[in-house]
């Protein structure tokens, strides 16, 4: 039986299985230089509080500054938590954004670089299912 840890229901009510995509946040503030997350790890909070899933020692951060969650399409979405000092991605103040490889997240004085590794194992299957059917016009 499929559970919520296996996927989610999209807008049409169809079950979508989570892929093995991985998000890497790179920064000198992390002891290993990076943190890796999969869709199954989400949601994850970021802030200066010890209660945040990713605690960052930066006085310009709110206690729970932002959250990374799975979007309806199974992508990594960064959501600002109405923080005082904004959540900035690629020099733009955001309320929410789908993260992409190369994005630069600025939280207070802390910069995080985004890398996303997508599972390519069933790329063909996903692509063909997402292509809408086309019926040629009648002559």
N, C-alpha and C. Protein backbone atom coordinates (compact mmCIF):
# COMPACT_ATOMS: atom_id res chain seq x y z
N UNK A 1 0.84 -1.19 0.00
CA UNK A 1 0.00 0.00 0.00
C UNK A 1 0.88 1.24 0.00
N UNK A 2 0.51 2.24 -0.77
CA UNK A 2 1.28 3.48 -0.85
C UNK A 2 0.88 4.41 0.27
N UNK A 3 1.89 5.00 0.90
CA UNK A 3 1.64 5.97 1.96
C UNK A 3 2.10 7.34 1.53
N UNK A 4 1.89 8.35 2.37
CA UNK A 4 2.28 9.72 2.03
C UNK A 4 3.79 9.85 1.87
N UNK A 5 4.58 8.94 2.48
CA UNK A 5 6.02 9.01 2.33
C UNK A 5 6.45 8.56 0.93
N UNK A 6 5.57 7.92 0.16
CA UNK A 6 5.88 7.44 -1.18
C UNK A 6 5.57 8.48 -2.26
N UNK A 7 4.74 9.47 -1.93
CA UNK A 7 4.37 10.46 -2.93
C UNK A 7 3.27 11.38 -2.42
N UNK A 8 2.54 11.97 -3.35
CA UNK A 8 1.50 12.93 -3.01
C UNK A 8 0.45 12.93 -4.11
N UNK A 9 -0.70 13.54 -3.84
CA UNK A 9 -1.74 13.68 -4.85
C UNK A 9 -1.62 15.04 -5.51
N UNK A 10 -1.63 15.06 -6.84
CA UNK A 10 -1.54 16.33 -7.55
C UNK A 10 -2.91 16.99 -7.62
N UNK A 11 -3.00 18.09 -8.35
CA UNK A 11 -4.25 18.86 -8.44
C UNK A 11 -5.40 18.07 -9.02
N UNK A 12 -5.08 17.09 -9.86
CA UNK A 12 -6.13 16.26 -10.47
C UNK A 12 -6.51 15.10 -9.58
N UNK A 13 -5.87 14.99 -8.40
CA UNK A 13 -6.16 13.90 -7.49
C UNK A 13 -5.42 12.61 -7.84
N UNK A 14 -4.47 12.70 -8.77
CA UNK A 14 -3.69 11.54 -9.16
C UNK A 14 -2.48 11.41 -8.25
N UNK A 15 -2.15 10.16 -7.87
CA UNK A 15 -1.01 9.93 -7.00
C UNK A 15 0.27 10.06 -7.80
N UNK A 16 1.21 10.87 -7.31
CA UNK A 16 2.50 11.07 -7.94
C UNK A 16 3.57 10.54 -6.99
N UNK A 17 4.36 9.59 -7.45
CA UNK A 17 5.40 9.00 -6.63
C UNK A 17 6.59 9.96 -6.53
N UNK A 18 7.14 10.09 -5.30
CA UNK A 18 8.33 10.91 -5.10
C UNK A 18 9.49 10.32 -5.87
N UNK A 19 10.23 11.15 -6.51
CA UNK A 19 11.45 10.73 -7.18
C UNK A 19 12.59 10.83 -6.16
N UNK A 20 13.71 10.30 -6.52
CA UNK A 20 14.86 10.34 -5.62
C UNK A 20 15.70 11.59 -5.89
N UNK A 21 15.06 12.71 -6.08
CA UNK A 21 15.76 13.97 -6.28
C UNK A 21 16.45 14.36 -4.98
N UNK A 22 17.55 15.08 -5.14
CA UNK A 22 18.32 15.48 -3.97
C UNK A 22 18.68 16.96 -4.09
N UNK A 23 18.49 17.69 -3.00
CA UNK A 23 18.83 19.10 -2.92
C UNK A 23 20.10 19.22 -2.08
N UNK A 24 21.09 19.93 -2.61
CA UNK A 24 22.31 20.21 -1.86
C UNK A 24 22.39 21.71 -1.64
N UNK A 25 22.54 22.11 -0.38
CA UNK A 25 22.77 23.51 -0.03
C UNK A 25 24.24 23.62 0.36
N UNK A 26 24.99 24.45 -0.35
CA UNK A 26 26.42 24.60 -0.09
C UNK A 26 26.69 25.94 0.59
N UNK A 27 27.51 25.88 1.63
CA UNK A 27 27.92 27.10 2.33
C UNK A 27 29.06 26.77 3.27
N UNK A 28 29.94 27.73 3.50
CA UNK A 28 31.05 27.57 4.43
C UNK A 28 30.56 27.43 5.87
N UNK A 29 29.30 27.80 6.14
CA UNK A 29 28.79 27.71 7.52
C UNK A 29 28.53 26.28 7.96
N UNK A 30 28.39 25.36 7.01
CA UNK A 30 28.13 23.96 7.35
C UNK A 30 29.45 23.24 7.58
N UNK A 31 29.49 22.38 8.58
CA UNK A 31 30.74 21.71 8.94
C UNK A 31 31.34 20.92 7.77
N UNK A 32 30.51 20.29 6.95
CA UNK A 32 30.99 19.55 5.78
C UNK A 32 31.00 20.41 4.52
N UNK A 33 30.57 21.65 4.63
CA UNK A 33 30.50 22.54 3.48
C UNK A 33 29.18 22.44 2.73
N UNK A 34 28.32 21.50 3.13
CA UNK A 34 27.04 21.33 2.45
C UNK A 34 26.08 20.54 3.33
N UNK A 35 24.79 20.62 2.96
CA UNK A 35 23.75 19.79 3.55
C UNK A 35 22.96 19.21 2.38
N UNK A 36 22.63 17.92 2.45
CA UNK A 36 21.83 17.30 1.40
C UNK A 36 20.47 16.89 1.95
N UNK A 37 19.44 17.12 1.15
CA UNK A 37 18.07 16.77 1.51
C UNK A 37 17.41 16.06 0.34
N UNK A 38 16.52 15.12 0.65
CA UNK A 38 15.69 14.52 -0.39
C UNK A 38 14.26 14.99 -0.15
N UNK A 39 13.39 14.78 -1.11
CA UNK A 39 12.00 15.18 -0.98
C UNK A 39 11.38 14.57 0.28
N UNK A 40 11.76 13.35 0.60
CA UNK A 40 11.22 12.67 1.77
C UNK A 40 11.62 13.31 3.09
N UNK A 41 12.67 14.15 3.10
CA UNK A 41 13.12 14.84 4.31
C UNK A 41 12.27 16.07 4.62
N UNK A 42 11.48 16.51 3.65
CA UNK A 42 10.77 17.78 3.78
C UNK A 42 9.46 17.64 4.52
N UNK A 43 8.96 18.71 5.12
CA UNK A 43 9.48 20.07 5.14
C UNK A 43 10.64 20.23 6.12
N UNK A 44 11.49 21.24 5.84
CA UNK A 44 12.65 21.55 6.68
C UNK A 44 12.63 23.05 6.93
N UNK A 45 12.76 23.44 8.19
CA UNK A 45 12.80 24.86 8.53
C UNK A 45 14.24 25.33 8.64
N UNK A 46 14.44 26.63 8.34
CA UNK A 46 15.76 27.26 8.43
C UNK A 46 15.60 28.51 9.28
N UNK A 47 16.49 28.70 10.24
CA UNK A 47 16.45 29.90 11.07
C UNK A 47 17.55 29.91 12.10
N UNK A 48 17.53 30.93 12.97
CA UNK A 48 18.57 31.02 14.00
C UNK A 48 18.22 30.29 15.28
N UNK A 49 16.97 29.86 15.41
CA UNK A 49 16.54 29.13 16.60
C UNK A 49 17.11 27.72 16.60
N UNK A 50 17.39 27.21 17.79
CA UNK A 50 17.82 25.81 17.91
C UNK A 50 16.68 24.86 17.54
N UNK A 51 15.47 25.38 17.45
CA UNK A 51 14.32 24.57 17.04
C UNK A 51 14.19 24.43 15.53
N UNK A 52 14.93 25.24 14.79
CA UNK A 52 14.92 25.12 13.32
C UNK A 52 15.63 23.83 12.94
N UNK A 53 15.15 23.19 11.88
CA UNK A 53 15.80 21.97 11.40
C UNK A 53 17.23 22.25 10.94
N UNK A 54 17.42 23.40 10.28
CA UNK A 54 18.75 23.87 9.91
C UNK A 54 18.97 25.17 10.67
N UNK A 55 19.71 25.08 11.78
CA UNK A 55 19.97 26.25 12.63
C UNK A 55 21.23 26.95 12.13
N UNK A 56 21.11 28.26 11.89
CA UNK A 56 22.22 29.07 11.39
C UNK A 56 22.46 30.21 12.36
N UNK A 57 23.69 30.34 12.81
CA UNK A 57 24.05 31.40 13.75
C UNK A 57 24.27 32.71 12.99
N UNK A 58 23.18 33.42 12.75
CA UNK A 58 23.19 34.68 12.01
C UNK A 58 22.11 35.55 12.65
N UNK A 59 22.52 36.64 13.29
CA UNK A 59 21.58 37.49 14.02
C UNK A 59 20.55 38.17 13.12
N UNK A 60 20.80 38.21 11.81
CA UNK A 60 19.84 38.82 10.90
C UNK A 60 18.72 37.86 10.49
N UNK A 61 18.83 36.58 10.89
CA UNK A 61 17.78 35.62 10.60
C UNK A 61 16.69 35.68 11.64
N UNK A 62 15.47 35.41 11.21
CA UNK A 62 14.38 35.22 12.15
C UNK A 62 14.56 33.86 12.80
N UNK A 63 13.86 33.64 13.90
CA UNK A 63 13.98 32.34 14.58
C UNK A 63 13.67 31.18 13.63
N UNK A 64 12.54 31.29 12.96
CA UNK A 64 12.20 30.35 11.86
C UNK A 64 12.01 31.25 10.64
N UNK A 65 13.06 31.39 9.87
CA UNK A 65 13.13 32.38 8.80
C UNK A 65 12.41 31.91 7.52
N UNK A 66 12.64 30.64 7.17
CA UNK A 66 12.08 30.12 5.92
C UNK A 66 11.91 28.61 6.04
N UNK A 67 11.25 28.06 5.03
CA UNK A 67 11.01 26.61 5.02
C UNK A 67 11.23 26.09 3.61
N UNK A 68 11.82 24.92 3.52
CA UNK A 68 11.91 24.23 2.24
C UNK A 68 10.89 23.11 2.31
N UNK A 69 10.01 23.06 1.30
CA UNK A 69 8.96 22.04 1.27
C UNK A 69 8.84 21.48 -0.14
N UNK A 70 8.11 20.41 -0.26
CA UNK A 70 7.85 19.82 -1.58
C UNK A 70 6.69 20.58 -2.21
N UNK A 71 6.87 21.00 -3.45
CA UNK A 71 5.77 21.66 -4.16
C UNK A 71 4.78 20.60 -4.61
N UNK A 72 3.66 21.04 -5.17
CA UNK A 72 2.64 20.10 -5.68
C UNK A 72 3.21 19.19 -6.76
N UNK A 73 4.26 19.65 -7.45
CA UNK A 73 4.86 18.86 -8.52
C UNK A 73 6.08 18.08 -8.06
N UNK A 74 6.33 18.06 -6.74
CA UNK A 74 7.47 17.31 -6.21
C UNK A 74 8.79 18.01 -6.36
N UNK A 75 8.76 19.33 -6.57
CA UNK A 75 9.99 20.11 -6.66
C UNK A 75 10.32 20.70 -5.29
N UNK A 76 11.54 21.20 -5.15
CA UNK A 76 11.95 21.84 -3.90
C UNK A 76 11.52 23.30 -3.93
N UNK A 77 10.68 23.68 -2.97
CA UNK A 77 10.15 25.04 -2.90
C UNK A 77 10.64 25.71 -1.63
N UNK A 78 11.19 26.91 -1.76
CA UNK A 78 11.62 27.71 -0.62
C UNK A 78 10.52 28.73 -0.33
N UNK A 79 10.07 28.78 0.93
CA UNK A 79 8.98 29.67 1.32
C UNK A 79 9.46 30.55 2.47
N UNK A 80 9.33 31.87 2.31
CA UNK A 80 9.67 32.82 3.37
C UNK A 80 8.60 32.73 4.46
N UNK A 81 9.02 32.80 5.71
CA UNK A 81 8.10 32.70 6.84
C UNK A 81 7.80 34.09 7.41
N UNK A 82 7.49 35.04 6.52
CA UNK A 82 7.24 36.43 6.91
C UNK A 82 8.38 36.98 7.76
N UNK A 83 9.61 36.66 7.32
CA UNK A 83 10.81 37.06 8.06
C UNK A 83 11.00 38.57 8.02
N UNK A 84 11.63 39.09 9.06
CA UNK A 84 11.89 40.54 9.15
C UNK A 84 12.87 41.00 8.09
N UNK A 85 13.91 40.22 7.86
CA UNK A 85 14.98 40.64 6.95
C UNK A 85 14.95 39.94 5.59
N UNK A 86 13.79 39.46 5.19
CA UNK A 86 13.55 38.94 3.85
C UNK A 86 14.29 37.65 3.53
N UNK A 87 13.79 36.96 2.55
CA UNK A 87 14.44 35.82 1.95
C UNK A 87 14.71 36.22 0.51
N UNK A 88 15.98 36.16 0.12
CA UNK A 88 16.38 36.65 -1.19
C UNK A 88 16.97 35.50 -2.00
N UNK A 89 16.48 35.34 -3.23
CA UNK A 89 17.00 34.33 -4.14
C UNK A 89 17.38 35.04 -5.43
N UNK A 90 18.64 34.88 -5.81
CA UNK A 90 19.16 35.51 -7.03
C UNK A 90 18.87 37.01 -7.05
N UNK A 91 19.11 37.63 -5.91
CA UNK A 91 18.96 39.08 -5.71
C UNK A 91 17.52 39.57 -5.79
N UNK A 92 16.55 38.66 -5.67
CA UNK A 92 15.13 39.03 -5.67
C UNK A 92 14.49 38.63 -4.35
N UNK A 93 13.76 39.55 -3.72
CA UNK A 93 12.99 39.24 -2.52
C UNK A 93 11.86 38.30 -2.93
N UNK A 94 11.73 37.19 -2.21
CA UNK A 94 10.70 36.21 -2.59
C UNK A 94 9.77 35.91 -1.43
N UNK A 95 8.54 35.52 -1.75
CA UNK A 95 7.64 34.92 -0.78
C UNK A 95 7.76 33.41 -0.87
N UNK A 96 7.87 32.92 -2.12
CA UNK A 96 8.07 31.50 -2.38
C UNK A 96 8.69 31.37 -3.76
N UNK A 97 9.48 30.32 -3.94
CA UNK A 97 10.14 30.09 -5.23
C UNK A 97 10.49 28.61 -5.35
N UNK A 98 10.39 28.09 -6.57
CA UNK A 98 10.87 26.74 -6.86
C UNK A 98 12.38 26.86 -7.09
N UNK A 99 13.15 26.08 -6.32
CA UNK A 99 14.60 26.17 -6.39
C UNK A 99 15.14 25.44 -7.61
N UNK A 100 16.22 26.00 -8.18
CA UNK A 100 16.89 25.42 -9.33
C UNK A 100 18.39 25.40 -9.06
N UNK A 101 19.10 24.52 -9.73
CA UNK A 101 20.56 24.48 -9.61
C UNK A 101 21.14 25.84 -9.97
N UNK A 102 22.06 26.30 -9.15
CA UNK A 102 22.71 27.59 -9.38
C UNK A 102 22.08 28.74 -8.62
N UNK A 103 20.90 28.54 -8.06
CA UNK A 103 20.28 29.62 -7.28
C UNK A 103 21.16 30.00 -6.11
N UNK A 104 21.17 31.30 -5.80
CA UNK A 104 21.89 31.81 -4.64
C UNK A 104 20.86 32.35 -3.66
N UNK A 105 20.79 31.70 -2.50
CA UNK A 105 19.85 32.10 -1.45
C UNK A 105 20.60 32.95 -0.45
N UNK A 106 20.04 34.11 -0.12
CA UNK A 106 20.62 34.98 0.90
C UNK A 106 19.63 35.09 2.05
N UNK A 107 20.05 34.58 3.21
CA UNK A 107 19.26 34.65 4.44
C UNK A 107 20.10 35.43 5.44
N UNK A 108 19.71 36.68 5.73
CA UNK A 108 20.56 37.52 6.57
C UNK A 108 21.89 37.74 5.86
N UNK A 109 23.00 37.43 6.56
CA UNK A 109 24.33 37.52 5.96
C UNK A 109 24.82 36.19 5.42
N UNK A 110 23.96 35.18 5.42
CA UNK A 110 24.34 33.83 5.05
C UNK A 110 23.92 33.52 3.62
N UNK A 111 24.89 33.10 2.80
CA UNK A 111 24.60 32.74 1.42
C UNK A 111 24.66 31.22 1.27
N UNK A 112 23.66 30.68 0.60
CA UNK A 112 23.58 29.25 0.31
C UNK A 112 23.50 29.08 -1.20
N UNK A 113 24.28 28.15 -1.74
CA UNK A 113 24.24 27.85 -3.17
C UNK A 113 23.48 26.55 -3.35
N UNK A 114 22.57 26.52 -4.32
CA UNK A 114 21.68 25.38 -4.55
C UNK A 114 22.19 24.50 -5.68
N UNK A 115 22.19 23.20 -5.42
CA UNK A 115 22.39 22.20 -6.47
C UNK A 115 21.27 21.18 -6.34
N UNK A 116 20.65 20.83 -7.45
CA UNK A 116 19.58 19.83 -7.44
C UNK A 116 19.96 18.72 -8.39
N UNK A 117 19.93 17.51 -7.86
CA UNK A 117 20.21 16.32 -8.66
C UNK A 117 18.89 15.58 -8.82
N UNK A 118 18.43 15.48 -10.06
CA UNK A 118 17.16 14.81 -10.34
C UNK A 118 17.38 13.35 -10.67
N UNK A 119 16.45 12.52 -10.26
CA UNK A 119 16.47 11.11 -10.62
C UNK A 119 16.05 11.01 -12.08
N UNK A 120 16.92 10.48 -12.90
CA UNK A 120 16.64 10.35 -14.34
C UNK A 120 16.17 8.95 -14.72
N UNK A 121 15.97 8.07 -13.73
CA UNK A 121 15.68 6.66 -14.03
C UNK A 121 14.40 6.46 -14.82
N UNK A 122 13.40 7.30 -14.61
CA UNK A 122 12.16 7.11 -15.38
C UNK A 122 11.76 8.39 -16.11
N UNK A 123 12.76 9.10 -16.61
CA UNK A 123 12.51 10.36 -17.30
C UNK A 123 11.58 10.17 -18.50
N UNK A 124 11.82 9.14 -19.30
CA UNK A 124 10.98 8.92 -20.48
C UNK A 124 9.53 8.67 -20.09
N UNK A 125 9.33 7.85 -19.06
CA UNK A 125 7.97 7.54 -18.63
C UNK A 125 7.25 8.80 -18.15
N UNK A 126 7.93 9.63 -17.36
CA UNK A 126 7.30 10.85 -16.85
C UNK A 126 7.01 11.82 -17.99
N UNK A 127 7.92 11.95 -18.92
CA UNK A 127 7.75 12.91 -20.01
C UNK A 127 6.57 12.54 -20.89
N UNK A 128 6.46 11.27 -21.28
CA UNK A 128 5.38 10.89 -22.18
C UNK A 128 4.03 10.97 -21.51
N UNK A 129 3.95 10.72 -20.21
CA UNK A 129 2.68 10.84 -19.51
C UNK A 129 2.24 12.29 -19.41
N UNK A 130 3.19 13.20 -19.39
CA UNK A 130 2.84 14.61 -19.22
C UNK A 130 2.51 15.30 -20.54
N UNK A 131 2.79 14.63 -21.67
CA UNK A 131 2.49 15.23 -22.97
C UNK A 131 0.99 15.11 -23.21
N UNK A 132 0.32 16.25 -23.45
CA UNK A 132 -1.13 16.17 -23.70
C UNK A 132 -1.40 15.47 -25.03
N UNK A 133 -2.52 14.78 -25.08
CA UNK A 133 -2.87 14.11 -26.33
C UNK A 133 -3.27 15.18 -27.34
N UNK A 134 -2.98 14.89 -28.60
CA UNK A 134 -3.27 15.84 -29.66
C UNK A 134 -4.10 15.14 -30.71
N UNK A 135 -5.22 15.74 -31.03
CA UNK A 135 -6.07 15.19 -32.07
C UNK A 135 -6.03 16.18 -33.24
N UNK A 136 -5.57 15.71 -34.41
CA UNK A 136 -5.49 16.63 -35.55
C UNK A 136 -6.89 17.10 -35.97
N UNK A 137 -6.96 18.30 -36.50
CA UNK A 137 -8.27 18.82 -36.94
C UNK A 137 -8.84 17.98 -38.08
N UNK A 138 -10.14 17.89 -38.10
CA UNK A 138 -10.84 17.16 -39.16
C UNK A 138 -10.68 17.94 -40.46
N UNK A 139 -10.44 17.24 -41.61
CA UNK A 139 -10.32 17.95 -42.90
C UNK A 139 -11.64 18.47 -43.41
